[in-house]
């Protein structure tokens, strides 16, 4: 039974890759230009302990993709 469950979990995890019928071939710059054309907004919701814990990475993203409006929020789980 454990083997069957392991096989089923493995199939569930790999099926999206097997069923994918296209491979992304556009460059990062092409994707960026397309994102800007579509409105240039990214909403990032993350879990964590502090609102500023990802600032380093968010600053790098903003520097690399300045035309994308980045909205970031952290969902702090309640302390028990």
PDB file of N, CA and C in Angstrom:
ATOM      1  N   UNK A   1       0.822  -1.199   0.000  1.00  0.00           N
ATOM      2  CA  UNK A   1       0.000   0.000   0.000  1.00  0.00           C
ATOM      3  C   UNK A   1       0.864   1.260   0.000  1.00  0.00           C
ATOM      4  N   UNK A   2       1.962   1.236   0.792  1.00  0.00           N
ATOM      5  CA  UNK A   2       2.855   2.406   0.821  1.00  0.00           C
ATOM      6  C   UNK A   2       3.444   2.660  -0.561  1.00  0.00           C
ATOM      7  N   UNK A   3       3.772   1.576  -1.255  1.00  0.00           N
ATOM      8  CA  UNK A   3       4.354   1.731  -2.590  1.00  0.00           C
ATOM      9  C   UNK A   3       3.344   2.370  -3.547  1.00  0.00           C
ATOM     10  N   UNK A   4       2.087   1.954  -3.468  1.00  0.00           N
ATOM     11  CA  UNK A   4       1.047   2.521  -4.321  1.00  0.00           C
ATOM     12  C   UNK A   4       0.861   4.008  -4.035  1.00  0.00           C
ATOM     13  N   UNK A   5       0.859   4.380  -2.778  1.00  0.00           N
ATOM     14  CA  UNK A   5       0.720   5.793  -2.401  1.00  0.00           C
ATOM     15  C   UNK A   5       1.909   6.588  -2.914  1.00  0.00           C
ATOM     16  N   UNK A   6       3.104   6.023  -2.793  1.00  0.00           N
ATOM     17  CA  UNK A   6       4.310   6.699  -3.286  1.00  0.00           C
ATOM     18  C   UNK A   6       4.226   6.902  -4.797  1.00  0.00           C
ATOM     19  N   UNK A   7       3.778   5.904  -5.512  1.00  0.00           N
ATOM     20  CA  UNK A   7       3.647   6.013  -6.970  1.00  0.00           C
ATOM     21  C   UNK A   7       2.606   7.073  -7.330  1.00  0.00           C
ATOM     22  N   UNK A   8       1.478   7.061  -6.648  1.00  0.00           N
ATOM     23  CA  UNK A   8       0.433   8.050  -6.931  1.00  0.00           C
ATOM     24  C   UNK A   8       0.921   9.471  -6.658  1.00  0.00           C
ATOM     25  N   UNK A   9       1.601   9.683  -5.552  1.00  0.00           N
ATOM     26  CA  UNK A   9       2.130  11.014  -5.236  1.00  0.00           C
ATOM     27  C   UNK A   9       3.141  11.447  -6.287  1.00  0.00           C
ATOM     28  N   UNK A  10       4.006  10.535  -6.692  1.00  0.00           N
ATOM     29  CA  UNK A  10       5.001  10.852  -7.722  1.00  0.00           C
ATOM     30  C   UNK A  10       4.319  11.246  -9.028  1.00  0.00           C
ATOM     31  N   UNK A  11       3.293  10.500  -9.425  1.00  0.00           N
ATOM     32  CA  UNK A  11       2.566  10.829 -10.657  1.00  0.00           C
ATOM     33  C   UNK A  11       1.888  12.186 -10.562  1.00  0.00           C
ATOM     34  N   UNK A  12       1.300  12.476  -9.417  1.00  0.00           N
ATOM     35  CA  UNK A  12       0.641  13.773  -9.238  1.00  0.00           C
ATOM     36  C   UNK A  12       1.646  14.908  -9.356  1.00  0.00           C
ATOM     37  N   UNK A  13       2.844  14.698  -8.830  1.00  0.00           N
ATOM     38  CA  UNK A  13       3.852  15.755  -8.868  1.00  0.00           C
ATOM     39  C   UNK A  13       4.448  15.960 -10.252  1.00  0.00           C
ATOM     40  N   UNK A  14       4.566  14.892 -11.033  1.00  0.00           N
ATOM     41  CA  UNK A  14       5.210  15.052 -12.350  1.00  0.00           C
ATOM     42  C   UNK A  14       4.221  15.270 -13.480  1.00  0.00           C
ATOM     43  N   UNK A  15       2.941  14.999 -13.293  1.00  0.00           N
ATOM     44  CA  UNK A  15       1.971  15.122 -14.375  1.00  0.00           C
ATOM     45  C   UNK A  15       1.913  16.510 -15.007  1.00  0.00           C
ATOM     46  N   UNK A  16       1.946  17.593 -14.226  1.00  0.00           N
ATOM     47  CA  UNK A  16       1.910  18.909 -14.900  1.00  0.00           C
ATOM     48  C   UNK A  16       3.052  19.079 -15.891  1.00  0.00           C
ATOM     49  N   UNK A  17       4.226  18.551 -15.578  1.00  0.00           N
ATOM     50  CA  UNK A  17       5.358  18.664 -16.499  1.00  0.00           C
ATOM     51  C   UNK A  17       5.180  17.766 -17.717  1.00  0.00           C
ATOM     52  N   UNK A  18       4.620  16.599 -17.513  1.00  0.00           N
ATOM     53  CA  UNK A  18       4.400  15.666 -18.614  1.00  0.00           C
ATOM     54  C   UNK A  18       3.332  16.197 -19.561  1.00  0.00           C
ATOM     55  N   UNK A  19       2.298  16.807 -18.996  1.00  0.00           N
ATOM     56  CA  UNK A  19       1.188  17.289 -19.814  1.00  0.00           C
ATOM     57  C   UNK A  19       1.439  18.651 -20.454  1.00  0.00           C
ATOM     58  N   UNK A  20       2.482  19.321 -20.041  1.00  0.00           N
ATOM     59  CA  UNK A  20       2.783  20.636 -20.613  1.00  0.00           C
ATOM     60  C   UNK A  20       3.066  20.460 -22.100  1.00  0.00           C
ATOM     61  N   UNK A  21       2.393  21.246 -22.926  1.00  0.00           N
ATOM     62  CA  UNK A  21       2.559  21.077 -24.361  1.00  0.00           C
ATOM     63  C   UNK A  21       3.406  22.176 -24.991  1.00  0.00           C
ATOM     64  N   UNK A  22       3.850  23.125 -24.190  1.00  0.00           N
ATOM     65  CA  UNK A  22       4.724  24.161 -24.736  1.00  0.00           C
ATOM     66  C   UNK A  22       5.895  24.386 -23.795  1.00  0.00           C
ATOM     67  N   UNK A  23       6.979  24.784 -24.370  1.00  0.00           N
ATOM     68  CA  UNK A  23       8.165  25.137 -23.604  1.00  0.00           C
ATOM     69  C   UNK A  23       8.409  26.621 -23.825  1.00  0.00           C
ATOM     70  N   UNK A  24       8.595  27.359 -22.751  1.00  0.00           N
ATOM     71  CA  UNK A  24       8.828  28.802 -22.857  1.00  0.00           C
ATOM     72  C   UNK A  24      10.192  29.038 -23.486  1.00  0.00           C
ATOM     73  N   UNK A  25      10.200  29.773 -24.583  1.00  0.00           N
ATOM     74  CA  UNK A  25      11.458  30.036 -25.284  1.00  0.00           C
ATOM     75  C   UNK A  25      11.814  31.509 -25.310  1.00  0.00           C
ATOM     76  N   UNK A  26      10.912  32.365 -24.788  1.00  0.00           N
ATOM     77  CA  UNK A  26      11.207  33.799 -24.792  1.00  0.00           C
ATOM     78  C   UNK A  26      12.271  34.126 -23.754  1.00  0.00           C
ATOM     79  N   UNK A  27      13.060  35.137 -24.041  1.00  0.00           N
ATOM     80  CA  UNK A  27      14.095  35.572 -23.116  1.00  0.00           C
ATOM     81  C   UNK A  27      13.455  36.323 -21.945  1.00  0.00           C
ATOM     82  N   UNK A  28      14.227  36.536 -20.906  1.00  0.00           N
ATOM     83  CA  UNK A  28      13.737  37.285 -19.753  1.00  0.00           C
ATOM     84  C   UNK A  28      13.347  38.708 -20.158  1.00  0.00           C
ATOM     85  N   UNK A  29      14.126  39.308 -21.033  1.00  0.00           N
ATOM     86  CA  UNK A  29      13.805  40.659 -21.501  1.00  0.00           C
ATOM     87  C   UNK A  29      12.501  40.676 -22.304  1.00  0.00           C
ATOM     88  N   UNK A  30      12.267  39.645 -23.091  1.00  0.00           N
ATOM     89  CA  UNK A  30      11.012  39.563 -23.845  1.00  0.00           C
ATOM     90  C   UNK A  30       9.817  39.378 -22.913  1.00  0.00           C
ATOM     91  N   UNK A  31       9.979  38.542 -21.896  1.00  0.00           N
ATOM     92  CA  UNK A  31       8.912  38.345 -20.910  1.00  0.00           C
ATOM     93  C   UNK A  31       8.628  39.629 -20.146  1.00  0.00           C
ATOM     94  N   UNK A  32       9.684  40.353 -19.812  1.00  0.00           N
ATOM     95  CA  UNK A  32       9.542  41.621 -19.107  1.00  0.00           C
ATOM     96  C   UNK A  32       8.756  42.619 -19.965  1.00  0.00           C
ATOM     97  N   UNK A  33       9.118  42.730 -21.232  1.00  0.00           N
ATOM     98  CA  UNK A  33       8.415  43.646 -22.133  1.00  0.00           C
ATOM     99  C   UNK A  33       6.941  43.260 -22.249  1.00  0.00           C
ATOM    100  N   UNK A  34       6.659  41.987 -22.327  1.00  0.00           N
ATOM    101  CA  UNK A  34       5.275  41.519 -22.410  1.00  0.00           C
ATOM    102  C   UNK A  34       4.516  41.835 -21.116  1.00  0.00           C
ATOM    103  N   UNK A  35       5.167  41.658 -19.976  1.00  0.00           N
ATOM    104  CA  UNK A  35       4.530  41.963 -18.689  1.00  0.00           C
ATOM    105  C   UNK A  35       4.204  43.452 -18.582  1.00  0.00           C
ATOM    106  N   UNK A  36       5.106  44.293 -19.048  1.00  0.00           N
ATOM    107  CA  UNK A  36       4.867  45.742 -19.030  1.00  0.00           C
ATOM    108  C   UNK A  36       3.672  46.074 -19.928  1.00  0.00           C
ATOM    109  N   UNK A  37       3.616  45.428 -21.096  1.00  0.00           N
ATOM    110  CA  UNK A  37       2.498  45.647 -22.021  1.00  0.00           C
ATOM    111  C   UNK A  37       1.160  45.248 -21.398  1.00  0.00           C
ATOM    112  N   UNK A  38       1.186  44.229 -20.547  1.00  0.00           N
ATOM    113  CA  UNK A  38      -0.038  43.735 -19.917  1.00  0.00           C
ATOM    114  C   UNK A  38      -0.430  44.531 -18.678  1.00  0.00           C
ATOM    115  N   UNK A  39       0.303  45.578 -18.378  1.00  0.00           N
ATOM    116  CA  UNK A  39      -0.055  46.412 -17.235  1.00  0.00           C
ATOM    117  C   UNK A  39       1.025  46.517 -16.180  1.00  0.00           C
ATOM    118  N   UNK A  40       1.967  45.619 -16.203  1.00  0.00           N
ATOM    119  CA  UNK A  40       3.132  45.715 -15.332  1.00  0.00           C
ATOM    120  C   UNK A  40       2.847  45.700 -13.847  1.00  0.00           C
ATOM    121  N   UNK A  41       2.015  44.775 -13.403  1.00  0.00           N
ATOM    122  CA  UNK A  41       1.737  44.674 -11.971  1.00  0.00           C
ATOM    123  C   UNK A  41       2.034  43.265 -11.483  1.00  0.00           C
ATOM    124  N   UNK A  42       2.672  43.192 -10.322  1.00  0.00           N
ATOM    125  CA  UNK A  42       2.931  41.911  -9.681  1.00  0.00           C
ATOM    126  C   UNK A  42       2.532  42.029  -8.226  1.00  0.00           C
ATOM    127  N   UNK A  43       1.671  41.127  -7.794  1.00  0.00           N
ATOM    128  CA  UNK A  43       1.263  41.090  -6.392  1.00  0.00           C
ATOM    129  C   UNK A  43       1.885  39.848  -5.784  1.00  0.00           C
ATOM    130  N   UNK A  44       2.673  40.047  -4.754  1.00  0.00           N
ATOM    131  CA  UNK A  44       3.376  38.956  -4.090  1.00  0.00           C
ATOM    132  C   UNK A  44       2.874  38.857  -2.659  1.00  0.00           C
ATOM    133  N   UNK A  45       2.301  37.738  -2.342  1.00  0.00           N
ATOM    134  CA  UNK A  45       1.851  37.490  -0.973  1.00  0.00           C
ATOM    135  C   UNK A  45       2.742  36.394  -0.422  1.00  0.00           C
ATOM    136  N   UNK A  46       3.292  36.633   0.744  1.00  0.00           N
ATOM    137  CA  UNK A  46       4.248  35.683   1.304  1.00  0.00           C
ATOM    138  C   UNK A  46       3.980  35.467   2.784  1.00  0.00           C
ATOM    139  N   UNK A  47       4.412  34.353   3.260  1.00  0.00           N
ATOM    140  CA  UNK A  47       4.358  34.085   4.684  1.00  0.00           C
ATOM    141  C   UNK A  47       5.687  34.482   5.305  1.00  0.00           C
ATOM    142  N   UNK A  48       5.686  34.668   6.574  1.00  0.00           N
ATOM    143  CA  UNK A  48       6.940  35.003   7.228  1.00  0.00           C
ATOM    144  C   UNK A  48       6.725  35.648   8.569  1.00  0.00           C
ATOM    145  N   UNK A  49       7.824  36.050   9.160  1.00  0.00           N
ATOM    146  CA  UNK A  49       7.787  36.622  10.499  1.00  0.00           C
ATOM    147  C   UNK A  49       7.763  38.141  10.502  1.00  0.00           C
ATOM    148  N   UNK A  50       8.439  38.743   9.507  1.00  0.00           N
ATOM    149  CA  UNK A  50       8.563  40.205   9.491  1.00  0.00           C
ATOM    150  C   UNK A  50       8.217  40.730   8.109  1.00  0.00           C
ATOM    151  N   UNK A  51       7.621  41.902   8.076  1.00  0.00           N
ATOM    152  CA  UNK A  51       7.232  42.507   6.802  1.00  0.00           C
ATOM    153  C   UNK A  51       8.427  42.839   5.917  1.00  0.00           C
ATOM    154  N   UNK A  52       9.578  43.115   6.527  1.00  0.00           N
ATOM    155  CA  UNK A  52      10.741  43.563   5.751  1.00  0.00           C
ATOM    156  C   UNK A  52      11.762  42.463   5.471  1.00  0.00           C
ATOM    157  N   UNK A  53      11.436  41.215   5.738  1.00  0.00           N
ATOM    158  CA  UNK A  53      12.431  40.157   5.608  1.00  0.00           C
ATOM    159  C   UNK A  53      12.847  39.890   4.157  1.00  0.00           C
ATOM    160  N   UNK A  54      12.035  40.264   3.197  1.00  0.00           N
ATOM    161  CA  UNK A  54      12.376  40.032   1.789  1.00  0.00           C
ATOM    162  C   UNK A  54      12.798  41.310   1.078  1.00  0.00           C
ATOM    163  N   UNK A  55      13.002  42.386   1.806  1.00  0.00           N
ATOM    164  CA  UNK A  55      13.320  43.672   1.179  1.00  0.00           C
ATOM    165  C   UNK A  55      14.533  43.603   0.263  1.00  0.00           C
ATOM    166  N   UNK A  56      15.548  42.861   0.652  1.00  0.00           N
ATOM    167  CA  UNK A  56      16.765  42.743  -0.162  1.00  0.00           C
ATOM    168  C   UNK A  56      16.409  42.225  -1.561  1.00  0.00           C
ATOM    169  N   UNK A  57      15.599  41.166  -1.620  1.00  0.00           N
ATOM    170  CA  UNK A  57      15.228  40.570  -2.898  1.00  0.00           C
ATOM    171  C   UNK A  57      14.247  41.453  -3.666  1.00  0.00           C
ATOM    172  N   UNK A  58      13.334  42.071  -2.954  1.00  0.00           N
ATOM    173  CA  UNK A  58      12.378  42.964  -3.602  1.00  0.00           C
ATOM    174  C   UNK A  58      13.091  44.162  -4.213  1.00  0.00           C
ATOM    175  N   UNK A  59      14.092  44.687  -3.519  1.00  0.00           N
ATOM    176  CA  UNK A  59      14.868  45.812  -4.052  1.00  0.00           C
ATOM    177  C   UNK A  59      15.608  45.402  -5.326  1.00  0.00           C
ATOM    178  N   UNK A  60      16.164  44.196  -5.334  1.00  0.00           N
ATOM    179  CA  UNK A  60      16.851  43.713  -6.538  1.00  0.00           C
ATOM    180  C   UNK A  60      15.861  43.570  -7.694  1.00  0.00           C
ATOM    181  N   UNK A  61      14.672  43.032  -7.400  1.00  0.00           N
ATOM    182  CA  UNK A  61      13.648  42.880  -8.437  1.00  0.00           C
ATOM    183  C   UNK A  61      13.270  44.240  -9.010  1.00  0.00           C
ATOM    184  N   UNK A  62      13.038  45.210  -8.118  1.00  0.00           N
ATOM    185  CA  UNK A  62      12.639  46.549  -8.563  1.00  0.00           C
ATOM    186  C   UNK A  62      13.727  47.208  -9.403  1.00  0.00           C
ATOM    187  N   UNK A  63      14.973  46.941  -9.062  1.00  0.00           N
ATOM    188  CA  UNK A  63      16.085  47.514  -9.830  1.00  0.00           C
ATOM    189  C   UNK A  63      16.157  46.872 -11.219  1.00  0.00           C
ATOM    190  N   UNK A  64      15.957  45.573 -11.290  1.00  0.00           N
ATOM    191  CA  UNK A  64      16.037  44.850 -12.567  1.00  0.00           C
ATOM    192  C   UNK A  64      14.814  45.111 -13.450  1.00  0.00           C
ATOM    193  N   UNK A  65      13.626  45.266 -12.806  1.00  0.00           N
ATOM    194  CA  UNK A  65      12.379  45.446 -13.540  1.00  0.00           C
ATOM    195  C   UNK A  65      11.657  46.707 -13.063  1.00  0.00           C
ATOM    196  N   UNK A  66      12.203  47.876 -13.368  1.00  0.00           N
ATOM    197  CA  UNK A  66      11.658  49.114 -12.808  1.00  0.00           C
ATOM    198  C   UNK A  66      10.249  49.473 -13.281  1.00  0.00           C
ATOM    199  N   UNK A  67       9.814  48.920 -14.401  1.00  0.00           N
ATOM    200  CA  UNK A  67       8.487  49.279 -14.917  1.00  0.00           C
ATOM    201  C   UNK A  67       7.378  48.371 -14.380  1.00  0.00           C
ATOM    202  N   UNK A  68       7.741  47.431 -13.521  1.00  0.00           N
ATOM    203  CA  UNK A  68       6.756  46.548 -12.909  1.00  0.00           C
ATOM    204  C   UNK A  68       6.398  47.107 -11.533  1.00  0.00           C
ATOM    205  N   UNK A  69       5.105  47.319 -11.310  1.00  0.00           N
ATOM    206  CA  UNK A  69       4.648  47.792 -10.002  1.00  0.00           C
ATOM    207  C   UNK A  69       4.523  46.567  -9.095  1.00  0.00           C
ATOM    208  N   UNK A  70       5.343  46.524  -8.060  1.00  0.00           N
ATOM    209  CA  UNK A  70       5.392  45.387  -7.157  1.00  0.00           C
ATOM    210  C   UNK A  70       4.661  45.707  -5.863  1.00  0.00           C
ATOM    211  N   UNK A  71       3.668  44.897  -5.544  1.00  0.00           N
ATOM    212  CA  UNK A  71       2.951  45.027  -4.284  1.00  0.00           C
ATOM    213  C   UNK A  71       3.262  43.783  -3.468  1.00  0.00           C
ATOM    214  N   UNK A  72       3.754  43.980  -2.261  1.00  0.00           N
ATOM    215  CA  UNK A  72       4.200  42.861  -1.426  1.00  0.00           C
ATOM    216  C   UNK A  72       3.517  42.924  -0.072  1.00  0.00           C
ATOM    217  N   UNK A  73       3.012  41.793   0.375  1.00  0.00           N
ATOM    218  CA  UNK A  73       2.456  41.749   1.727  1.00  0.00           C
ATOM    219  C   UNK A  73       2.859  40.419   2.369  1.00  0.00           C
ATOM    220  N   UNK A  74       3.015  40.463   3.665  1.00  0.00           N
ATOM    221  CA  UNK A  74       3.405  39.288   4.437  1.00  0.00           C
ATOM    222  C   UNK A  74       2.244  38.917   5.352  1.00  0.00           C
ATOM    223  N   UNK A  75       1.883  37.667   5.310  1.00  0.00           N
ATOM    224  CA  UNK A  75       0.831  37.158   6.177  1.00  0.00           C
ATOM    225  C   UNK A  75       1.519  36.533   7.383  1.00  0.00           C
ATOM    226  N   UNK A  76       1.588  37.271   8.453  1.00  0.00           N
ATOM    227  CA  UNK A  76       2.212  36.751   9.675  1.00  0.00           C
ATOM    228  C   UNK A  76       1.250  35.818  10.367  1.00  0.00           C
ATOM    229  N   UNK A  77       1.710  34.628  10.659  1.00  0.00           N
ATOM    230  CA  UNK A  77       0.848  33.691  11.373  1.00  0.00           C
ATOM    231  C   UNK A  77       0.835  34.067  12.860  1.00  0.00           C
ATOM    232  N   UNK A  78      -0.279  33.877  13.514  1.00  0.00           N
ATOM    233  CA  UNK A  78      -0.367  34.260  14.929  1.00  0.00           C
ATOM    234  C   UNK A  78       0.578  33.422  15.784  1.00  0.00           C
ATOM    235  N   UNK A  79       1.177  34.054  16.741  1.00  0.00           N
ATOM    236  CA  UNK A  79       2.073  33.362  17.667  1.00  0.00           C
ATOM    237  C   UNK A  79       1.242  32.606  18.691  1.00  0.00           C
ATOM    238  N   UNK A  80       1.680  31.400  18.988  1.00  0.00           N
ATOM    239  CA  UNK A  80       0.965  30.599  19.996  1.00  0.00           C
ATOM    240  C   UNK A  80       1.782  30.433  21.224  1.00  0.00           C
TER     241      UNK A  80
END
